[in-house]
N, C-alpha and C. Protein backbone atom coordinates (compact mmCIF):
# COMPACT_ATOMS: atom_id res chain seq x y z
N MET A 1 -70.07 117.52 77.38
CA MET A 1 -71.12 116.14 77.82
C MET A 1 -72.39 116.60 78.31
N MET A 2 -72.35 117.99 78.98
CA MET A 2 -73.11 118.43 79.65
C MET A 2 -74.51 118.64 77.64
N LYS A 3 -73.66 119.59 77.47
CA LYS A 3 -74.34 119.90 76.27
C LYS A 3 -75.03 119.11 75.27
N VAL A 4 -74.38 118.24 75.03
CA VAL A 4 -75.42 116.78 74.81
C VAL A 4 -76.47 115.94 75.70
N THR A 5 -76.02 116.22 76.96
CA THR A 5 -77.24 115.60 77.74
C THR A 5 -78.06 116.88 77.73
N SER A 6 -78.33 117.98 77.65
CA SER A 6 -79.01 118.39 77.75
C SER A 6 -79.87 119.14 76.32
N VAL A 7 -79.76 118.77 75.17
CA VAL A 7 -79.64 118.63 73.37
C VAL A 7 -80.49 117.08 73.67
N CYS A 8 -79.93 116.83 74.23
CA CYS A 8 -81.13 115.28 74.28
C CYS A 8 -82.02 115.09 75.02
N LEU A 9 -82.20 115.31 76.51
CA LEU A 9 -83.06 115.41 77.17
C LEU A 9 -84.38 116.43 76.72
N GLY A 10 -84.04 117.49 75.94
CA GLY A 10 -85.13 118.36 75.20
C GLY A 10 -85.19 117.94 74.22
N LEU A 11 -85.00 116.02 73.12
CA LEU A 11 -84.98 115.40 72.01
C LEU A 11 -86.03 114.62 72.78
N VAL A 12 -85.82 113.93 74.29
CA VAL A 12 -86.67 113.52 74.54
C VAL A 12 -87.99 113.60 74.91
N ARG A 13 -88.02 114.42 75.92
CA ARG A 13 -89.50 115.48 75.79
C ARG A 13 -90.19 115.64 74.90
N ALA A 14 -89.84 116.06 73.90
CA ALA A 14 -90.29 116.54 72.50
C ALA A 14 -90.72 115.22 72.00
N ILE A 15 -89.98 114.25 72.03
CA ILE A 15 -90.57 113.43 71.57
C ILE A 15 -92.09 112.35 72.54
N LEU A 16 -91.20 112.20 73.27
CA LEU A 16 -92.78 112.31 74.47
C LEU A 16 -94.23 112.11 74.36
N THR A 17 -93.28 113.65 73.76
CA THR A 17 -95.11 114.22 73.45
C THR A 17 -96.00 114.23 72.74
N SER A 18 -95.43 113.44 71.02
CA SER A 18 -95.65 112.90 69.91
C SER A 18 -95.51 111.52 69.86
N GLN A 19 -95.41 111.18 71.33
CA GLN A 19 -95.24 109.23 71.09
C GLN A 19 -94.86 108.29 70.19
N ALA A 20 -93.58 109.40 69.40
CA ALA A 20 -92.70 108.06 68.41
C ALA A 20 -91.92 107.52 69.36
N VAL A 21 -92.28 106.42 69.61
CA VAL A 21 -90.96 105.46 70.72
C VAL A 21 -90.50 105.28 69.73
N LEU A 22 -90.06 105.29 68.52
CA LEU A 22 -89.15 104.18 67.40
C LEU A 22 -87.98 105.56 67.53
N GLN A 23 -88.74 107.47 67.36
CA GLN A 23 -88.03 107.52 67.72
C GLN A 23 -87.21 108.03 68.58
N LEU A 24 -87.16 107.56 69.82
CA LEU A 24 -87.01 107.73 71.12
C LEU A 24 -85.41 107.27 71.18
N VAL A 25 -85.76 105.61 70.64
CA VAL A 25 -84.73 104.79 70.80
C VAL A 25 -83.89 104.91 70.21
N ILE A 26 -84.24 105.66 68.98
CA ILE A 26 -82.90 106.13 68.04
C ILE A 26 -81.81 106.85 68.89
N ILE A 27 -82.76 107.94 68.83
CA ILE A 27 -82.13 109.09 69.72
C ILE A 27 -80.85 108.61 71.20
N LEU A 28 -82.08 108.05 71.80
CA LEU A 28 -81.22 107.72 73.19
C LEU A 28 -79.89 106.98 73.49
N LEU A 29 -79.84 106.13 71.30
CA LEU A 29 -78.98 104.96 71.21
C LEU A 29 -77.81 106.15 71.18
N ALA A 30 -78.16 107.10 69.98
CA ALA A 30 -76.93 108.37 69.93
C ALA A 30 -76.14 108.95 70.73
N CYS A 31 -77.37 109.27 72.13
CA CYS A 31 -76.91 109.92 72.72
C CYS A 31 -75.09 109.52 73.60
N ALA A 32 -76.17 108.00 73.93
CA ALA A 32 -75.71 106.77 75.14
C ALA A 32 -74.22 106.37 73.68
N SER A 33 -73.99 106.70 72.38
CA SER A 33 -72.79 106.53 72.04
C SER A 33 -72.38 107.92 71.66
N ALA A 34 -72.54 109.21 71.95
CA ALA A 34 -71.64 110.59 72.43
C ALA A 34 -71.12 110.22 73.50
N ASN A 35 -70.69 109.08 74.61
CA ASN A 35 -69.98 109.15 75.20
C ASN A 35 -69.03 108.48 75.16
N ALA A 36 -68.00 108.07 73.71
CA ALA A 36 -67.53 107.70 73.70
C ALA A 36 -66.75 107.92 71.94
N GLN A 37 -65.06 108.65 71.72
CA GLN A 37 -66.10 109.32 70.24
C GLN A 37 -63.88 109.43 70.22
N VAL A 38 -63.69 108.45 69.46
CA VAL A 38 -62.54 109.00 69.35
C VAL A 38 -62.00 109.53 67.52
N THR A 39 -62.25 110.08 67.00
CA THR A 39 -62.28 110.50 65.60
C THR A 39 -61.41 111.44 64.89
N PRO A 40 -60.30 111.49 64.07
CA PRO A 40 -59.31 111.99 63.29
C PRO A 40 -60.12 113.29 62.85
N ASN A 41 -59.33 113.86 62.98
CA ASN A 41 -60.14 115.26 62.05
C ASN A 41 -59.91 115.24 60.56
N GLY A 42 -58.79 114.60 59.86
CA GLY A 42 -58.90 113.79 58.20
C GLY A 42 -57.25 115.04 58.57
N SER A 43 -56.89 116.60 59.17
CA SER A 43 -55.34 116.84 58.45
C SER A 43 -54.01 116.11 58.83
N LEU A 44 -53.82 115.21 59.54
CA LEU A 44 -52.66 114.65 59.72
C LEU A 44 -53.36 113.16 59.12
N ASN A 45 -52.53 112.33 59.09
CA ASN A 45 -52.23 111.05 58.79
C ASN A 45 -53.30 109.75 59.38
N THR A 46 -53.95 110.32 60.52
CA THR A 46 -54.55 109.55 62.13
C THR A 46 -55.71 108.42 61.59
N THR A 47 -54.84 107.25 62.14
CA THR A 47 -56.27 106.49 61.57
C THR A 47 -56.44 105.68 62.81
N VAL A 48 -57.91 105.47 62.60
CA VAL A 48 -58.54 105.56 64.36
C VAL A 48 -59.20 103.86 63.82
N SER A 49 -59.62 103.06 64.78
CA SER A 49 -60.23 101.25 64.63
C SER A 49 -60.85 101.46 65.74
N GLN A 50 -62.38 100.53 65.58
CA GLN A 50 -63.16 100.44 66.86
C GLN A 50 -63.41 99.72 67.19
N SER A 51 -63.44 98.93 68.21
CA SER A 51 -64.60 97.75 69.03
C SER A 51 -65.22 98.33 69.66
N ASN A 52 -65.93 98.25 70.06
CA ASN A 52 -67.31 98.63 70.94
C ASN A 52 -66.66 99.67 71.39
N ASN A 53 -65.98 99.92 72.48
CA ASN A 53 -65.96 101.37 72.90
C ASN A 53 -64.68 101.15 73.45
N ASN A 54 -63.95 100.59 72.40
CA ASN A 54 -62.36 100.38 72.44
C ASN A 54 -61.70 100.94 71.02
N PHE A 55 -61.08 101.54 71.60
CA PHE A 55 -59.85 102.15 70.05
C PHE A 55 -58.71 102.50 70.04
N THR A 56 -58.72 102.10 68.81
CA THR A 56 -56.87 101.61 68.03
C THR A 56 -56.34 103.21 67.95
N ILE A 57 -55.27 103.56 67.56
CA ILE A 57 -55.40 104.90 67.28
C ILE A 57 -53.84 104.69 66.20
N THR A 58 -53.24 104.30 64.80
CA THR A 58 -52.02 104.71 64.66
C THR A 58 -51.71 105.31 63.21
N ASN A 59 -50.86 105.38 63.08
CA ASN A 59 -49.65 106.12 62.13
C ASN A 59 -49.66 107.56 62.64
N GLY A 60 -50.55 108.52 61.93
CA GLY A 60 -50.13 109.76 63.14
C GLY A 60 -48.69 110.25 61.25
N ASN A 61 -48.78 111.47 61.41
CA ASN A 61 -47.17 111.86 61.64
C ASN A 61 -45.96 112.07 61.69
N ARG A 62 -44.63 111.05 61.63
CA ARG A 62 -44.43 110.96 62.35
C ARG A 62 -42.46 111.76 61.62
N ILE A 63 -42.03 112.39 62.66
CA ILE A 63 -40.96 113.22 62.50
C ILE A 63 -39.89 112.77 63.35
N GLY A 64 -38.52 112.14 62.92
CA GLY A 64 -37.91 111.33 64.02
C GLY A 64 -38.38 110.78 64.67
N ASN A 65 -38.77 110.95 66.39
CA ASN A 65 -39.65 110.13 67.27
C ASN A 65 -40.22 110.58 67.78
N ASN A 66 -39.91 111.73 67.24
CA ASN A 66 -41.95 112.78 67.62
C ASN A 66 -43.12 112.04 66.87
N LEU A 67 -44.30 112.07 67.13
CA LEU A 67 -45.76 110.95 66.28
C LEU A 67 -46.85 112.11 66.73
N PHE A 68 -47.26 112.79 65.69
CA PHE A 68 -48.27 113.64 66.16
C PHE A 68 -49.60 113.49 65.31
N HIS A 69 -50.83 113.35 66.55
CA HIS A 69 -52.13 112.76 65.93
C HIS A 69 -52.89 114.24 66.18
N SER A 70 -54.16 114.09 65.18
CA SER A 70 -55.63 115.57 65.62
C SER A 70 -56.89 114.64 64.80
N PHE A 71 -57.22 115.17 66.07
CA PHE A 71 -58.49 114.82 66.69
C PHE A 71 -59.94 115.75 65.95
N SER A 72 -61.38 115.46 65.78
CA SER A 72 -62.19 116.01 66.26
C SER A 72 -62.59 115.86 67.28
N GLN A 73 -62.93 115.12 67.73
CA GLN A 73 -63.46 114.59 68.71
C GLN A 73 -62.51 113.46 69.45
N PHE A 74 -62.51 113.47 71.08
CA PHE A 74 -62.00 112.53 71.80
C PHE A 74 -62.16 112.24 72.80
N SER A 75 -62.97 111.24 72.66
CA SER A 75 -63.36 110.90 75.14
C SER A 75 -63.35 109.60 74.72
N VAL A 76 -63.69 109.13 75.76
CA VAL A 76 -63.10 107.63 76.14
C VAL A 76 -64.12 107.23 76.98
N SER A 77 -65.36 106.76 76.59
CA SER A 77 -66.03 105.75 78.04
C SER A 77 -65.84 105.18 79.14
N THR A 78 -66.82 105.04 79.77
CA THR A 78 -66.19 103.76 81.02
C THR A 78 -65.93 102.99 80.38
N ASN A 79 -65.27 101.62 81.23
CA ASN A 79 -64.72 100.85 80.80
C ASN A 79 -64.34 100.18 79.16
N GLY A 80 -63.90 101.21 78.31
CA GLY A 80 -63.26 102.05 77.14
C GLY A 80 -62.29 102.25 77.49
N SER A 81 -60.95 102.54 75.78
CA SER A 81 -59.16 102.55 75.58
C SER A 81 -59.51 103.08 74.63
N ALA A 82 -58.53 104.34 74.61
CA ALA A 82 -57.88 104.62 73.51
C ALA A 82 -56.43 104.29 73.73
N PHE A 83 -56.03 103.58 72.50
CA PHE A 83 -54.41 102.88 73.09
C PHE A 83 -53.66 103.45 71.29
N PHE A 84 -52.82 104.47 72.19
CA PHE A 84 -52.04 105.32 70.77
C PHE A 84 -51.04 103.66 70.14
N ASN A 85 -51.23 102.80 69.16
CA ASN A 85 -50.14 101.93 68.99
C ASN A 85 -48.94 102.37 68.23
N ASN A 86 -48.47 103.03 68.86
CA ASN A 86 -47.08 103.78 68.68
C ASN A 86 -46.54 102.62 68.53
N ALA A 87 -44.70 102.97 67.35
CA ALA A 87 -43.50 102.03 67.93
C ALA A 87 -42.78 102.57 68.60
N SER A 88 -42.20 101.65 68.98
CA SER A 88 -41.46 101.86 69.41
C SER A 88 -40.32 102.58 70.50
N ASP A 89 -39.75 102.88 69.58
CA ASP A 89 -38.87 103.88 69.61
C ASP A 89 -39.48 105.65 69.56
N ILE A 90 -40.49 105.76 68.94
CA ILE A 90 -41.49 106.86 69.93
C ILE A 90 -41.06 107.13 71.02
N GLN A 91 -40.43 108.77 71.27
CA GLN A 91 -40.53 109.53 72.59
C GLN A 91 -41.56 110.35 72.74
N ASN A 92 -42.14 111.04 72.03
CA ASN A 92 -43.18 111.78 72.15
C ASN A 92 -44.09 111.96 71.23
N ILE A 93 -45.46 111.31 72.01
CA ILE A 93 -47.06 111.63 71.10
C ILE A 93 -48.00 112.96 71.84
N PHE A 94 -47.79 114.16 70.45
CA PHE A 94 -48.44 115.35 70.22
C PHE A 94 -50.18 115.15 69.63
N SER A 95 -51.29 115.26 70.42
CA SER A 95 -51.94 114.60 70.45
C SER A 95 -53.06 116.33 70.68
N ARG A 96 -53.79 116.20 69.49
CA ARG A 96 -54.80 118.08 69.91
C ARG A 96 -56.18 117.07 69.75
N VAL A 97 -57.13 117.88 69.76
CA VAL A 97 -58.46 117.48 69.74
C VAL A 97 -58.96 118.83 69.20
N THR A 98 -59.77 118.92 67.69
CA THR A 98 -59.72 120.23 67.03
C THR A 98 -61.00 120.83 67.24
N GLY A 99 -61.87 119.59 67.39
CA GLY A 99 -64.14 119.88 66.91
C GLY A 99 -64.80 120.86 67.80
N GLY A 100 -63.95 121.57 69.21
CA GLY A 100 -65.05 122.44 69.89
C GLY A 100 -65.32 121.36 70.88
N ASN A 101 -65.46 120.83 71.16
CA ASN A 101 -66.28 118.93 72.33
C ASN A 101 -65.10 119.30 73.46
N ILE A 102 -65.78 119.53 74.80
CA ILE A 102 -64.64 118.85 75.58
C ILE A 102 -64.19 117.43 75.77
N SER A 103 -63.36 116.35 75.96
CA SER A 103 -63.07 115.54 75.83
C SER A 103 -63.23 115.05 77.48
N ASN A 104 -63.72 114.03 77.52
CA ASN A 104 -64.46 113.00 78.50
C ASN A 104 -64.16 111.90 78.88
N ILE A 105 -62.83 111.81 79.58
CA ILE A 105 -62.26 110.39 79.67
C ILE A 105 -62.74 109.74 81.00
N ASP A 106 -63.55 108.77 81.04
CA ASP A 106 -63.39 108.00 81.74
C ASP A 106 -63.27 106.60 81.65
N GLY A 107 -62.25 105.84 80.69
CA GLY A 107 -61.92 104.81 80.65
C GLY A 107 -59.76 105.13 80.46
N LEU A 108 -59.56 103.26 80.01
CA LEU A 108 -57.80 103.84 80.09
C LEU A 108 -57.10 104.59 78.49
N ILE A 109 -56.92 105.25 79.08
CA ILE A 109 -55.54 105.86 78.01
C ILE A 109 -54.57 105.05 77.98
N LYS A 110 -53.36 104.08 76.70
CA LYS A 110 -52.42 103.77 76.79
C LYS A 110 -51.56 104.38 75.89
N ALA A 111 -50.61 104.05 75.85
CA ALA A 111 -49.42 103.75 74.57
C ALA A 111 -48.07 103.07 75.33
N ASN A 112 -47.45 102.80 73.63
CA ASN A 112 -46.80 101.60 73.77
C ASN A 112 -45.08 102.27 74.60
N GLY A 113 -44.48 101.51 74.37
CA GLY A 113 -43.01 101.56 75.39
C GLY A 113 -42.54 102.97 76.45
N SER A 114 -41.76 103.68 76.05
CA SER A 114 -41.99 105.00 77.81
C SER A 114 -41.74 106.06 76.32
N ALA A 115 -42.96 106.47 75.85
CA ALA A 115 -43.39 107.40 75.14
C ALA A 115 -44.06 108.60 76.02
N ASN A 116 -43.75 109.35 75.66
CA ASN A 116 -44.51 110.68 76.90
C ASN A 116 -45.40 111.22 75.55
N LEU A 117 -46.73 111.43 76.08
CA LEU A 117 -48.45 111.80 75.66
C LEU A 117 -48.75 112.97 76.01
N PHE A 118 -48.92 113.88 74.61
CA PHE A 118 -49.22 114.71 75.40
C PHE A 118 -50.73 115.65 74.70
N LEU A 119 -51.97 115.60 75.15
CA LEU A 119 -52.98 115.62 74.59
C LEU A 119 -53.45 117.25 75.05
N LEU A 120 -54.09 117.53 73.87
CA LEU A 120 -54.49 119.22 73.57
C LEU A 120 -55.47 119.47 73.42
N ASN A 121 -56.30 120.01 74.53
CA ASN A 121 -58.09 120.07 73.86
C ASN A 121 -58.42 121.59 74.37
N PRO A 122 -58.90 122.78 73.40
CA PRO A 122 -59.08 124.01 74.13
C PRO A 122 -60.01 123.86 73.89
N SER A 123 -61.16 123.50 74.61
CA SER A 123 -62.19 123.17 75.04
C SER A 123 -61.79 122.26 76.24
N GLY A 124 -60.82 121.81 76.87
CA GLY A 124 -60.91 121.43 77.89
C GLY A 124 -61.34 119.48 78.10
N ILE A 125 -60.71 119.15 79.11
CA ILE A 125 -60.76 117.57 79.62
C ILE A 125 -61.32 117.33 80.75
N ILE A 126 -62.24 116.90 80.50
CA ILE A 126 -62.63 116.15 82.22
C ILE A 126 -62.28 114.26 82.28
N PHE A 127 -61.78 114.78 82.86
CA PHE A 127 -61.32 112.82 84.15
C PHE A 127 -62.69 112.05 84.92
N GLY A 128 -62.76 111.31 84.17
CA GLY A 128 -63.94 110.98 85.15
C GLY A 128 -63.30 109.77 86.59
N ALA A 129 -64.08 109.25 87.09
CA ALA A 129 -63.80 108.64 88.43
C ALA A 129 -63.20 106.99 87.88
N ASN A 130 -63.02 107.02 86.61
CA ASN A 130 -62.58 105.41 86.65
C ASN A 130 -61.76 105.92 85.66
N ALA A 131 -60.82 107.27 85.42
CA ALA A 131 -60.32 107.23 84.40
C ALA A 131 -58.70 106.29 84.54
N LYS A 132 -58.47 106.59 83.45
CA LYS A 132 -56.76 105.28 84.22
C LYS A 132 -56.02 105.83 83.14
N LEU A 133 -54.17 106.07 83.30
CA LEU A 133 -53.09 106.45 82.61
C LEU A 133 -52.03 104.97 82.53
N ASN A 134 -52.26 104.93 81.06
CA ASN A 134 -51.23 103.95 81.27
C ASN A 134 -50.05 104.07 80.39
N ILE A 135 -49.44 105.26 80.29
CA ILE A 135 -48.88 105.41 79.84
C ILE A 135 -46.93 105.67 80.47
N GLY A 136 -45.83 104.96 79.67
CA GLY A 136 -44.61 105.02 80.11
C GLY A 136 -43.85 106.13 80.54
N GLY A 137 -44.11 106.89 79.54
CA GLY A 137 -43.45 108.46 79.70
C GLY A 137 -44.17 108.85 80.46
N GLN A 138 -43.65 110.75 80.42
CA GLN A 138 -44.70 111.33 81.18
C GLN A 138 -45.58 111.64 80.65
N ASN A 139 -47.37 111.95 80.92
CA ASN A 139 -48.32 112.88 80.66
C ASN A 139 -48.25 114.25 80.31
N SER A 140 -48.93 115.14 79.85
CA SER A 140 -49.07 116.45 79.57
C SER A 140 -50.86 116.09 79.24
N ILE A 141 -51.62 116.46 80.28
CA ILE A 141 -53.68 116.50 79.53
C ILE A 141 -53.35 117.75 80.33
N ARG A 142 -53.80 119.39 79.11
CA ARG A 142 -54.35 120.54 79.60
C ARG A 142 -54.95 120.75 78.34
N GLU A 143 -55.34 122.23 78.78
CA GLU A 143 -56.40 122.68 77.56
C GLU A 143 -55.05 123.29 76.84
N TRP A 144 -55.78 123.71 75.40
CA TRP A 144 -54.80 124.71 75.56
C TRP A 144 -54.43 126.23 75.37
N ARG A 145 -55.23 126.47 76.18
CA ARG A 145 -55.21 127.77 76.67
C ARG A 145 -54.06 127.91 78.13
N GLN A 146 -53.55 127.47 78.28
CA GLN A 146 -52.85 127.06 78.73
C GLN A 146 -50.98 126.75 77.74
N HIS A 147 -51.85 125.87 76.79
CA HIS A 147 -50.33 126.10 75.84
C HIS A 147 -51.10 126.08 74.42
N ARG A 148 -50.56 127.42 74.19
CA ARG A 148 -51.49 126.96 72.68
C ARG A 148 -50.48 127.23 71.56
N LEU A 149 -51.59 126.07 70.72
CA LEU A 149 -50.56 126.55 69.28
C LEU A 149 -51.81 126.44 68.53
N THR A 150 -51.15 127.06 67.37
CA THR A 150 -51.91 127.21 65.90
C THR A 150 -52.08 125.86 65.55
N SER A 151 -53.52 125.84 64.65
CA SER A 151 -53.30 124.82 63.73
C SER A 151 -52.47 124.51 63.09
N TRP A 152 -52.15 125.49 62.13
CA TRP A 152 -50.96 125.89 61.45
C TRP A 152 -49.59 125.34 62.31
N GLU A 153 -49.25 125.74 62.90
CA GLU A 153 -48.13 125.34 64.10
C GLU A 153 -47.93 124.04 63.72
N PHE A 154 -49.03 123.61 64.33
CA PHE A 154 -48.72 121.60 64.51
C PHE A 154 -49.24 121.48 63.12
N VAL A 155 -49.83 121.78 62.55
CA VAL A 155 -49.98 120.97 61.13
C VAL A 155 -48.01 121.31 60.93
N ALA A 156 -47.58 122.29 60.14
CA ALA A 156 -46.30 122.16 60.21
C ALA A 156 -44.85 121.53 61.19
N ALA A 157 -45.67 121.45 61.96
CA ALA A 157 -44.33 120.71 63.16
C ALA A 157 -44.78 119.13 62.88
N ALA A 158 -45.81 118.78 61.40
CA ALA A 158 -46.29 117.78 62.01
C ALA A 158 -45.34 116.69 60.52
N ARG A 159 -45.44 117.61 59.48
CA ARG A 159 -44.79 117.51 58.25
C ARG A 159 -43.21 117.30 57.65
């Protein structure tokens, strides 16, 4: 978020000096939308649908009662949500974020049933004042530095 904010402010200053108002509006809209992004990285069968700042996450790769997801970005804005719409017999949801950006969570993360949710991001995860978890099982939100899996190990486990 800090990188996005400083880049956005730099662009705003440059545009104000050139007085290109339309460009300013486009950049401000892009900066505002950077707060809420749940984007699959394509390495697994994860599907994400979006309605405003609400994301529904489906599919993924299932092995037994474990479900694997992989994202390039995972951030949920205030009043937004990320809903893992898993089958009721899933016991564990393993989700990684590989895009190199911090995950900013200031909305709701939820899953079906009693699934445990593991969200791993080597760049970090920041919870805002409005962050909520509605997970039936346990949740483990941690940085990869604490629990490192290589990309190969994660994808191999999901196949």
